Amino acid sequence: MIDDDGFLEELRREFLAEGASLLELWEESFLKLEETENKAEEISTIFRVAHSFNGGSSAVGYADMAAFAHIVEDLLSIIKKDPSILTTEIVSLLLKCGDAFKQKIAFLNGSDSTDWEITVLSFDLNDKLLMLGHSGGHQAPHAESSRPTPVVETAPEAELTDEMKAD
């Protein structure tokens, strides 16, 4: 039987391997965007990749990657609803996001020691969200948290007593 730590490490390895494959699909879909008339299908594929990164990285404790993927997913959600707003500027921004995911996966696999610096990229994504009328407001993930963030269960909030309310 695998202990909890061993099981989590196995899940992380599987996530990173799947993530590398998903990024290949990501790039293929961006290439197909230039060639196809049915952009909606490729945008949906790209959205699913971001969605998989968001959920998968969150599930295995990579909170910084999940937060970044969430911002990317928000932008793709808007584009998915209206593919006509996809510009070369947005494509370039999203390709940079794919490169950032690749770098993070390489770092987590131990093949890249470069710090994952995505602050500027996160701000660019938020700016684009605001320009497209989305409230945005996501905080840039903390790049310095390269280690997985442990999942912490919190106790339900206690009801405030009358004394607490008076303070």
N, C-alpha and C. Protein backbone atom coordinates (compact mmCIF):
# COMPACT_ATOMS: atom_id res chain seq x y z
N MET A 1 0.84 -1.18 0.00
CA MET A 1 0.00 0.00 0.00
C MET A 1 0.89 1.25 0.00
N ILE A 2 0.54 2.21 -0.80
CA ILE A 2 1.29 3.46 -0.89
C ILE A 2 0.79 4.41 0.20
N ASP A 3 1.74 5.04 0.91
CA ASP A 3 1.33 6.00 1.93
C ASP A 3 0.82 7.28 1.25
N ASP A 4 0.23 8.17 2.04
CA ASP A 4 -0.36 9.38 1.48
C ASP A 4 0.65 10.24 0.74
N ASP A 5 1.86 10.40 1.32
CA ASP A 5 2.89 11.20 0.66
C ASP A 5 3.32 10.55 -0.65
N GLY A 6 3.47 9.24 -0.65
CA GLY A 6 3.84 8.52 -1.86
C GLY A 6 2.77 8.62 -2.92
N PHE A 7 1.52 8.55 -2.49
CA PHE A 7 0.40 8.65 -3.42
C PHE A 7 0.36 10.04 -4.05
N LEU A 8 0.55 11.08 -3.23
CA LEU A 8 0.55 12.45 -3.73
C LEU A 8 1.70 12.66 -4.71
N GLU A 9 2.87 12.14 -4.39
CA GLU A 9 4.01 12.27 -5.31
C GLU A 9 3.73 11.56 -6.64
N GLU A 10 3.08 10.41 -6.58
CA GLU A 10 2.72 9.70 -7.81
C GLU A 10 1.73 10.52 -8.63
N LEU A 11 0.75 11.11 -7.96
CA LEU A 11 -0.22 11.97 -8.66
C LEU A 11 0.48 13.16 -9.30
N ARG A 12 1.44 13.74 -8.60
CA ARG A 12 2.17 14.88 -9.14
C ARG A 12 2.96 14.48 -10.38
N ARG A 13 3.63 13.33 -10.32
CA ARG A 13 4.39 12.86 -11.50
C ARG A 13 3.45 12.65 -12.69
N GLU A 14 2.30 12.05 -12.44
CA GLU A 14 1.33 11.84 -13.51
C GLU A 14 0.81 13.16 -14.06
N PHE A 15 0.53 14.11 -13.17
CA PHE A 15 0.08 15.42 -13.61
C PHE A 15 1.12 16.10 -14.49
N LEU A 16 2.38 16.06 -14.09
CA LEU A 16 3.44 16.71 -14.86
C LEU A 16 3.61 16.05 -16.23
N ALA A 17 3.52 14.72 -16.28
CA ALA A 17 3.61 14.02 -17.57
C ALA A 17 2.43 14.38 -18.46
N GLU A 18 1.24 14.39 -17.87
CA GLU A 18 0.05 14.76 -18.65
C GLU A 18 0.13 16.22 -19.09
N GLY A 19 0.66 17.07 -18.21
CA GLY A 19 0.80 18.48 -18.54
C GLY A 19 1.68 18.70 -19.76
N ALA A 20 2.77 17.95 -19.85
CA ALA A 20 3.65 18.07 -21.01
C ALA A 20 2.91 17.67 -22.29
N SER A 21 2.11 16.63 -22.22
CA SER A 21 1.31 16.21 -23.38
C SER A 21 0.26 17.25 -23.73
N LEU A 22 -0.36 17.81 -22.71
CA LEU A 22 -1.38 18.83 -22.95
C LEU A 22 -0.79 20.06 -23.63
N LEU A 23 0.44 20.39 -23.27
CA LEU A 23 1.07 21.56 -23.89
C LEU A 23 1.38 21.32 -25.37
N GLU A 24 1.64 20.08 -25.73
CA GLU A 24 1.80 19.76 -27.16
C GLU A 24 0.48 20.01 -27.88
N LEU A 25 -0.61 19.57 -27.29
CA LEU A 25 -1.95 19.81 -27.85
C LEU A 25 -2.23 21.31 -27.93
N TRP A 26 -1.84 22.04 -26.91
CA TRP A 26 -2.00 23.50 -26.85
C TRP A 26 -1.34 24.14 -28.07
N GLU A 27 -0.07 23.79 -28.31
CA GLU A 27 0.66 24.37 -29.43
C GLU A 27 0.08 23.97 -30.77
N GLU A 28 -0.30 22.69 -30.91
CA GLU A 28 -0.92 22.22 -32.15
C GLU A 28 -2.20 22.99 -32.44
N SER A 29 -2.98 23.23 -31.42
CA SER A 29 -4.23 23.95 -31.61
C SER A 29 -4.00 25.40 -32.02
N PHE A 30 -2.96 26.03 -31.48
CA PHE A 30 -2.64 27.39 -31.90
C PHE A 30 -2.19 27.42 -33.36
N LEU A 31 -1.43 26.41 -33.78
CA LEU A 31 -1.03 26.34 -35.19
C LEU A 31 -2.24 26.15 -36.09
N LYS A 32 -3.17 25.32 -35.66
CA LYS A 32 -4.37 25.07 -36.45
C LYS A 32 -5.27 26.30 -36.52
N LEU A 33 -5.18 27.19 -35.55
CA LEU A 33 -5.97 28.43 -35.58
C LEU A 33 -5.70 29.23 -36.85
N GLU A 34 -4.45 29.21 -37.30
CA GLU A 34 -4.08 29.95 -38.50
C GLU A 34 -4.61 29.30 -39.77
N GLU A 35 -4.82 27.98 -39.71
CA GLU A 35 -5.17 27.23 -40.91
C GLU A 35 -6.66 26.97 -41.08
N THR A 36 -7.41 27.02 -40.00
CA THR A 36 -8.79 26.57 -40.05
C THR A 36 -9.78 27.71 -40.04
N GLU A 37 -10.92 27.43 -40.63
CA GLU A 37 -12.02 28.39 -40.60
C GLU A 37 -12.82 28.22 -39.31
N ASN A 38 -12.76 27.01 -38.72
CA ASN A 38 -13.52 26.73 -37.51
C ASN A 38 -12.64 26.98 -36.28
N LYS A 39 -12.43 28.24 -35.98
CA LYS A 39 -11.58 28.62 -34.85
C LYS A 39 -12.19 28.19 -33.53
N ALA A 40 -13.51 28.14 -33.46
CA ALA A 40 -14.20 27.81 -32.20
C ALA A 40 -13.76 26.45 -31.66
N GLU A 41 -13.57 25.49 -32.54
CA GLU A 41 -13.16 24.15 -32.11
C GLU A 41 -11.76 24.17 -31.49
N GLU A 42 -10.84 24.88 -32.13
CA GLU A 42 -9.47 24.96 -31.60
C GLU A 42 -9.44 25.77 -30.30
N ILE A 43 -10.23 26.83 -30.23
CA ILE A 43 -10.30 27.62 -29.00
C ILE A 43 -10.85 26.76 -27.87
N SER A 44 -11.83 25.92 -28.16
CA SER A 44 -12.36 25.02 -27.13
C SER A 44 -11.30 24.04 -26.64
N THR A 45 -10.48 23.55 -27.56
CA THR A 45 -9.39 22.64 -27.17
C THR A 45 -8.39 23.37 -26.27
N ILE A 46 -8.02 24.57 -26.65
CA ILE A 46 -7.08 25.36 -25.87
C ILE A 46 -7.67 25.65 -24.48
N PHE A 47 -8.95 25.99 -24.45
CA PHE A 47 -9.64 26.23 -23.17
C PHE A 47 -9.58 24.99 -22.28
N ARG A 48 -9.83 23.81 -22.87
CA ARG A 48 -9.81 22.57 -22.08
C ARG A 48 -8.42 22.30 -21.50
N VAL A 49 -7.38 22.65 -22.24
CA VAL A 49 -6.03 22.48 -21.72
C VAL A 49 -5.84 23.38 -20.49
N ALA A 50 -6.22 24.65 -20.60
CA ALA A 50 -6.09 25.56 -19.46
C ALA A 50 -6.93 25.07 -18.29
N HIS A 51 -8.12 24.59 -18.57
CA HIS A 51 -9.01 24.07 -17.53
C HIS A 51 -8.37 22.85 -16.84
N SER A 52 -7.74 21.99 -17.62
CA SER A 52 -7.06 20.82 -17.05
C SER A 52 -5.90 21.24 -16.17
N PHE A 53 -5.15 22.26 -16.60
CA PHE A 53 -4.05 22.77 -15.78
C PHE A 53 -4.59 23.36 -14.48
N ASN A 54 -5.67 24.09 -14.58
CA ASN A 54 -6.26 24.72 -13.39
C ASN A 54 -6.67 23.65 -12.37
N GLY A 55 -7.46 22.70 -12.80
CA GLY A 55 -7.95 21.68 -11.88
C GLY A 55 -6.87 20.72 -11.41
N GLY A 56 -6.04 20.28 -12.34
CA GLY A 56 -5.00 19.30 -12.01
C GLY A 56 -3.95 19.86 -11.07
N SER A 57 -3.49 21.07 -11.35
CA SER A 57 -2.46 21.66 -10.50
C SER A 57 -3.01 21.96 -9.11
N SER A 58 -4.25 22.34 -9.05
CA SER A 58 -4.88 22.57 -7.75
C SER A 58 -5.00 21.27 -6.97
N ALA A 59 -5.38 20.21 -7.65
CA ALA A 59 -5.59 18.92 -6.99
C ALA A 59 -4.31 18.35 -6.39
N VAL A 60 -3.15 18.66 -7.00
CA VAL A 60 -1.89 18.10 -6.50
C VAL A 60 -1.09 19.11 -5.69
N GLY A 61 -1.68 20.26 -5.39
CA GLY A 61 -1.05 21.20 -4.48
C GLY A 61 -0.14 22.24 -5.10
N TYR A 62 -0.19 22.42 -6.41
CA TYR A 62 0.60 23.46 -7.06
C TYR A 62 -0.27 24.72 -7.19
N ALA A 63 -0.45 25.40 -6.08
CA ALA A 63 -1.38 26.53 -6.01
C ALA A 63 -0.99 27.68 -6.94
N ASP A 64 0.30 27.95 -7.08
CA ASP A 64 0.72 29.05 -7.95
C ASP A 64 0.37 28.76 -9.40
N MET A 65 0.55 27.52 -9.83
CA MET A 65 0.20 27.14 -11.19
C MET A 65 -1.32 27.18 -11.39
N ALA A 66 -2.06 26.75 -10.40
CA ALA A 66 -3.53 26.76 -10.48
C ALA A 66 -4.05 28.19 -10.60
N ALA A 67 -3.48 29.11 -9.81
CA ALA A 67 -3.92 30.50 -9.85
C ALA A 67 -3.64 31.11 -11.23
N PHE A 68 -2.46 30.82 -11.76
CA PHE A 68 -2.11 31.32 -13.09
C PHE A 68 -3.03 30.71 -14.15
N ALA A 69 -3.25 29.42 -14.08
CA ALA A 69 -4.13 28.75 -15.04
C ALA A 69 -5.54 29.30 -14.97
N HIS A 70 -5.97 29.70 -13.80
CA HIS A 70 -7.32 30.26 -13.64
C HIS A 70 -7.47 31.56 -14.42
N ILE A 71 -6.44 32.41 -14.38
CA ILE A 71 -6.48 33.67 -15.12
C ILE A 71 -6.50 33.38 -16.62
N VAL A 72 -5.66 32.44 -17.06
CA VAL A 72 -5.62 32.06 -18.47
C VAL A 72 -6.98 31.51 -18.90
N GLU A 73 -7.56 30.68 -18.06
CA GLU A 73 -8.88 30.10 -18.35
C GLU A 73 -9.95 31.18 -18.45
N ASP A 74 -9.88 32.20 -17.60
CA ASP A 74 -10.85 33.30 -17.67
C ASP A 74 -10.78 34.00 -19.02
N LEU A 75 -9.57 34.28 -19.49
CA LEU A 75 -9.42 34.93 -20.79
C LEU A 75 -9.95 34.03 -21.90
N LEU A 76 -9.61 32.77 -21.84
CA LEU A 76 -10.07 31.84 -22.87
C LEU A 76 -11.59 31.66 -22.84
N SER A 77 -12.18 31.77 -21.69
CA SER A 77 -13.63 31.66 -21.56
C SER A 77 -14.32 32.78 -22.34
N ILE A 78 -13.77 33.99 -22.25
CA ILE A 78 -14.32 35.13 -22.99
C ILE A 78 -14.15 34.91 -24.49
N ILE A 79 -12.98 34.45 -24.88
CA ILE A 79 -12.70 34.22 -26.30
C ILE A 79 -13.57 33.10 -26.84
N LYS A 80 -13.80 32.11 -26.02
CA LYS A 80 -14.63 30.97 -26.44
C LYS A 80 -16.06 31.44 -26.76
N LYS A 81 -16.55 32.41 -25.99
CA LYS A 81 -17.90 32.94 -26.23
C LYS A 81 -17.96 33.80 -27.49
N ASP A 82 -16.84 34.45 -27.81
CA ASP A 82 -16.79 35.32 -28.99
C ASP A 82 -15.42 35.21 -29.66
N PRO A 83 -15.24 34.16 -30.50
CA PRO A 83 -13.94 33.94 -31.15
C PRO A 83 -13.46 35.10 -32.01
N SER A 84 -14.38 36.00 -32.40
CA SER A 84 -13.98 37.12 -33.25
C SER A 84 -13.05 38.10 -32.54
N ILE A 85 -12.99 38.05 -31.21
CA ILE A 85 -12.12 38.99 -30.48
C ILE A 85 -10.68 38.50 -30.39
N LEU A 86 -10.43 37.31 -30.90
CA LEU A 86 -9.07 36.76 -30.86
C LEU A 86 -8.19 37.52 -31.83
N THR A 87 -7.18 38.18 -31.30
CA THR A 87 -6.25 38.96 -32.11
C THR A 87 -4.86 38.31 -32.05
N THR A 88 -3.97 38.78 -32.90
CA THR A 88 -2.60 38.26 -32.85
C THR A 88 -1.95 38.61 -31.52
N GLU A 89 -2.32 39.75 -30.94
CA GLU A 89 -1.79 40.14 -29.63
C GLU A 89 -2.21 39.14 -28.55
N ILE A 90 -3.47 38.73 -28.58
CA ILE A 90 -3.96 37.76 -27.60
C ILE A 90 -3.32 36.40 -27.84
N VAL A 91 -3.19 36.00 -29.10
CA VAL A 91 -2.54 34.72 -29.41
C VAL A 91 -1.11 34.74 -28.87
N SER A 92 -0.40 35.83 -29.09
CA SER A 92 0.97 35.94 -28.59
C SER A 92 1.01 35.84 -27.06
N LEU A 93 0.09 36.50 -26.40
CA LEU A 93 0.01 36.45 -24.95
C LEU A 93 -0.25 35.02 -24.46
N LEU A 94 -1.18 34.34 -25.11
CA LEU A 94 -1.51 32.97 -24.71
C LEU A 94 -0.37 32.00 -25.00
N LEU A 95 0.37 32.22 -26.08
CA LEU A 95 1.54 31.38 -26.36
C LEU A 95 2.61 31.57 -25.28
N LYS A 96 2.75 32.80 -24.79
CA LYS A 96 3.68 33.05 -23.69
C LYS A 96 3.22 32.30 -22.43
N CYS A 97 1.91 32.21 -22.26
CA CYS A 97 1.38 31.46 -21.11
C CYS A 97 1.75 29.98 -21.24
N GLY A 98 1.64 29.44 -22.45
CA GLY A 98 2.04 28.06 -22.69
C GLY A 98 3.52 27.85 -22.37
N ASP A 99 4.35 28.82 -22.76
CA ASP A 99 5.78 28.75 -22.44
C ASP A 99 6.00 28.78 -20.93
N ALA A 100 5.20 29.57 -20.23
CA ALA A 100 5.31 29.65 -18.77
C ALA A 100 4.93 28.31 -18.13
N PHE A 101 3.87 27.69 -18.64
CA PHE A 101 3.49 26.36 -18.12
C PHE A 101 4.62 25.36 -18.35
N LYS A 102 5.22 25.40 -19.55
CA LYS A 102 6.34 24.50 -19.86
C LYS A 102 7.49 24.70 -18.90
N GLN A 103 7.82 25.95 -18.65
CA GLN A 103 8.93 26.25 -17.74
C GLN A 103 8.64 25.72 -16.34
N LYS A 104 7.40 25.90 -15.89
CA LYS A 104 7.05 25.43 -14.54
C LYS A 104 7.13 23.91 -14.47
N ILE A 105 6.66 23.23 -15.50
CA ILE A 105 6.73 21.77 -15.52
C ILE A 105 8.19 21.31 -15.52
N ALA A 106 9.03 21.98 -16.31
CA ALA A 106 10.45 21.63 -16.34
C ALA A 106 11.08 21.86 -14.96
N PHE A 107 10.70 22.95 -14.31
CA PHE A 107 11.22 23.23 -12.97
C PHE A 107 10.79 22.14 -11.99
N LEU A 108 9.53 21.79 -12.02
CA LEU A 108 9.01 20.78 -11.09
C LEU A 108 9.58 19.40 -11.37
N ASN A 109 9.94 19.15 -12.61
CA ASN A 109 10.58 17.88 -12.96
C ASN A 109 12.07 17.89 -12.66
N GLY A 110 12.59 19.05 -12.28
CA GLY A 110 14.01 19.15 -11.94
C GLY A 110 14.92 19.40 -13.12
N SER A 111 14.37 19.66 -14.30
CA SER A 111 15.22 19.87 -15.48
C SER A 111 15.46 21.34 -15.78
N ASP A 112 14.93 22.24 -14.96
CA ASP A 112 15.13 23.67 -15.15
C ASP A 112 15.17 24.30 -13.76
N SER A 113 16.22 25.04 -13.48
CA SER A 113 16.35 25.64 -12.15
C SER A 113 15.94 27.11 -12.15
N THR A 114 15.44 27.61 -13.27
CA THR A 114 15.03 29.01 -13.38
C THR A 114 13.79 29.26 -12.53
N ASP A 115 13.82 30.37 -11.80
CA ASP A 115 12.63 30.76 -11.04
C ASP A 115 11.48 31.03 -12.00
N TRP A 116 10.30 30.68 -11.56
CA TRP A 116 9.10 30.87 -12.38
C TRP A 116 8.58 32.27 -12.15
N GLU A 117 8.92 33.17 -13.03
CA GLU A 117 8.53 34.57 -12.89
C GLU A 117 7.41 34.88 -13.87
N ILE A 118 6.21 34.97 -13.35
CA ILE A 118 5.04 35.19 -14.19
C ILE A 118 4.26 36.43 -13.79
N THR A 119 4.84 37.26 -12.96
CA THR A 119 4.13 38.44 -12.47
C THR A 119 3.69 39.34 -13.61
N VAL A 120 4.61 39.69 -14.50
CA VAL A 120 4.30 40.57 -15.62
C VAL A 120 3.26 39.92 -16.53
N LEU A 121 3.44 38.64 -16.80
CA LEU A 121 2.50 37.91 -17.65
C LEU A 121 1.10 37.89 -17.02
N SER A 122 1.03 37.71 -15.72
CA SER A 122 -0.25 37.73 -15.02
C SER A 122 -0.92 39.09 -15.11
N PHE A 123 -0.12 40.14 -14.95
CA PHE A 123 -0.67 41.50 -15.08
C PHE A 123 -1.16 41.74 -16.50
N ASP A 124 -0.41 41.26 -17.51
CA ASP A 124 -0.84 41.41 -18.90
C ASP A 124 -2.17 40.69 -19.14
N LEU A 125 -2.32 39.51 -18.56
CA LEU A 125 -3.57 38.77 -18.69
C LEU A 125 -4.72 39.55 -18.03
N ASN A 126 -4.49 40.07 -16.84
CA ASN A 126 -5.52 40.83 -16.15
C ASN A 126 -5.88 42.10 -16.92
N ASP A 127 -4.88 42.77 -17.50
CA ASP A 127 -5.16 43.95 -18.31
C ASP A 127 -6.04 43.59 -19.50
N LYS A 128 -5.73 42.48 -20.14
CA LYS A 128 -6.52 42.05 -21.30
C LYS A 128 -7.95 41.72 -20.86
N LEU A 129 -8.08 41.07 -19.71
CA LEU A 129 -9.42 40.77 -19.18
C LEU A 129 -10.21 42.06 -18.94
N LEU A 130 -9.57 43.05 -18.37
CA LEU A 130 -10.24 44.32 -18.11
C LEU A 130 -10.63 45.01 -19.42
N MET A 131 -9.75 44.96 -20.41
CA MET A 131 -10.06 45.56 -21.71
C MET A 131 -11.26 44.89 -22.37
N LEU A 132 -11.43 43.60 -22.10
CA LEU A 132 -12.53 42.85 -22.71
C LEU A 132 -13.79 42.91 -21.85
N GLY A 133 -13.75 43.74 -20.80
CA GLY A 133 -14.94 43.93 -19.99
C GLY A 133 -15.13 42.95 -18.87
N HIS A 134 -14.13 42.13 -18.60
CA HIS A 134 -14.20 41.18 -17.49
C HIS A 134 -13.64 41.88 -16.26
N SER A 135 -14.21 41.59 -15.11
CA SER A 135 -13.78 42.27 -13.90
C SER A 135 -12.34 41.98 -13.54
N GLY A 136 -11.81 40.84 -13.97
CA GLY A 136 -10.42 40.51 -13.68
C GLY A 136 -10.17 40.53 -12.19
N GLY A 137 -9.16 41.27 -11.79
CA GLY A 137 -8.87 41.44 -10.38
C GLY A 137 -8.18 40.27 -9.73
N HIS A 138 -7.70 39.33 -10.53
CA HIS A 138 -6.96 38.20 -9.94
C HIS A 138 -5.60 38.70 -9.50
N GLN A 139 -5.18 38.21 -8.39
CA GLN A 139 -3.84 38.52 -7.91
C GLN A 139 -2.85 37.68 -8.71
N ALA A 140 -1.71 38.26 -8.98
CA ALA A 140 -0.66 37.50 -9.64
C ALA A 140 -0.20 36.41 -8.68
N PRO A 141 -0.07 35.18 -9.17
CA PRO A 141 0.42 34.12 -8.29
C PRO A 141 1.82 34.46 -7.79
N HIS A 142 2.13 34.03 -6.61
CA HIS A 142 3.45 34.28 -6.05
C HIS A 142 4.45 33.33 -6.69
N ALA A 143 5.30 33.88 -7.52
CA ALA A 143 6.27 33.07 -8.25
C ALA A 143 7.29 32.42 -7.32
N GLU A 144 7.54 33.07 -6.17
CA GLU A 144 8.56 32.49 -5.30
C GLU A 144 8.10 31.21 -4.65
N SER A 145 6.83 30.89 -4.69
CA SER A 145 6.36 29.64 -4.06
C SER A 145 6.49 28.50 -5.07
N SER A 146 7.72 28.07 -5.27
CA SER A 146 8.00 27.01 -6.23
C SER A 146 7.61 25.64 -5.70
N ARG A 147 7.54 25.55 -4.40
CA ARG A 147 7.18 24.27 -3.81
C ARG A 147 5.67 24.12 -3.80
N PRO A 148 5.20 22.88 -3.82
CA PRO A 148 3.76 22.69 -3.76
C PRO A 148 3.18 23.28 -2.48
N THR A 149 2.02 23.81 -2.59
CA THR A 149 1.33 24.34 -1.43
C THR A 149 0.49 23.23 -0.83
N PRO A 150 0.70 22.93 0.44
CA PRO A 150 -0.11 21.86 1.03
C PRO A 150 -1.57 22.27 1.12
N VAL A 151 -2.41 21.29 0.99
CA VAL A 151 -3.84 21.53 1.12
C VAL A 151 -4.14 21.56 2.61
N VAL A 152 -4.74 22.65 3.03
CA VAL A 152 -5.05 22.81 4.44
C VAL A 152 -6.55 22.82 4.62
N GLU A 153 -7.03 21.92 5.44
CA GLU A 153 -8.45 21.91 5.72
C GLU A 153 -8.70 22.86 6.87
N THR A 154 -9.74 23.66 6.74
CA THR A 154 -10.06 24.60 7.80
C THR A 154 -11.31 24.15 8.52
N ALA A 155 -11.38 24.54 9.75
CA ALA A 155 -12.56 24.22 10.53
C ALA A 155 -13.67 25.18 10.12
N PRO A 156 -14.92 24.73 10.24
CA PRO A 156 -16.01 25.65 9.91
C PRO A 156 -15.96 26.85 10.84
N GLU A 157 -16.37 28.00 10.30
CA GLU A 157 -16.34 29.20 11.12
C GLU A 157 -17.35 29.08 12.25
N ALA A 158 -16.91 29.49 13.41
CA ALA A 158 -17.81 29.48 14.57
C ALA A 158 -18.71 30.71 14.49
N GLU A 159 -19.87 30.57 15.04
CA GLU A 159 -20.76 31.73 15.08
C GLU A 159 -20.20 32.74 16.06
N LEU A 160 -20.39 34.01 15.73
CA LEU A 160 -19.91 35.06 16.59
C LEU A 160 -20.82 35.16 17.82
N THR A 161 -20.19 35.29 18.96
CA THR A 161 -20.97 35.48 20.18
C THR A 161 -21.32 36.96 20.27
N ASP A 162 -22.24 37.29 21.16
CA ASP A 162 -22.61 38.69 21.34
C ASP A 162 -21.43 39.53 21.75
N GLU A 163 -20.51 38.98 22.57
CA GLU A 163 -19.32 39.70 23.00
C GLU A 163 -18.42 40.01 21.79
N MET A 164 -18.26 39.03 20.91
CA MET A 164 -17.42 39.22 19.72
C MET A 164 -18.01 40.28 18.82
N LYS A 165 -19.33 40.27 18.67
CA LYS A 165 -19.98 41.25 17.80
C LYS A 165 -19.81 42.65 18.33
N ALA A 166 -19.74 42.81 19.65
CA ALA A 166 -19.62 44.12 20.27
C ALA A 166 -18.25 44.74 20.04
N ASP A 167 -17.23 43.94 19.80
CA ASP A 167 -15.87 44.46 19.63
C ASP A 167 -15.68 45.18 18.36
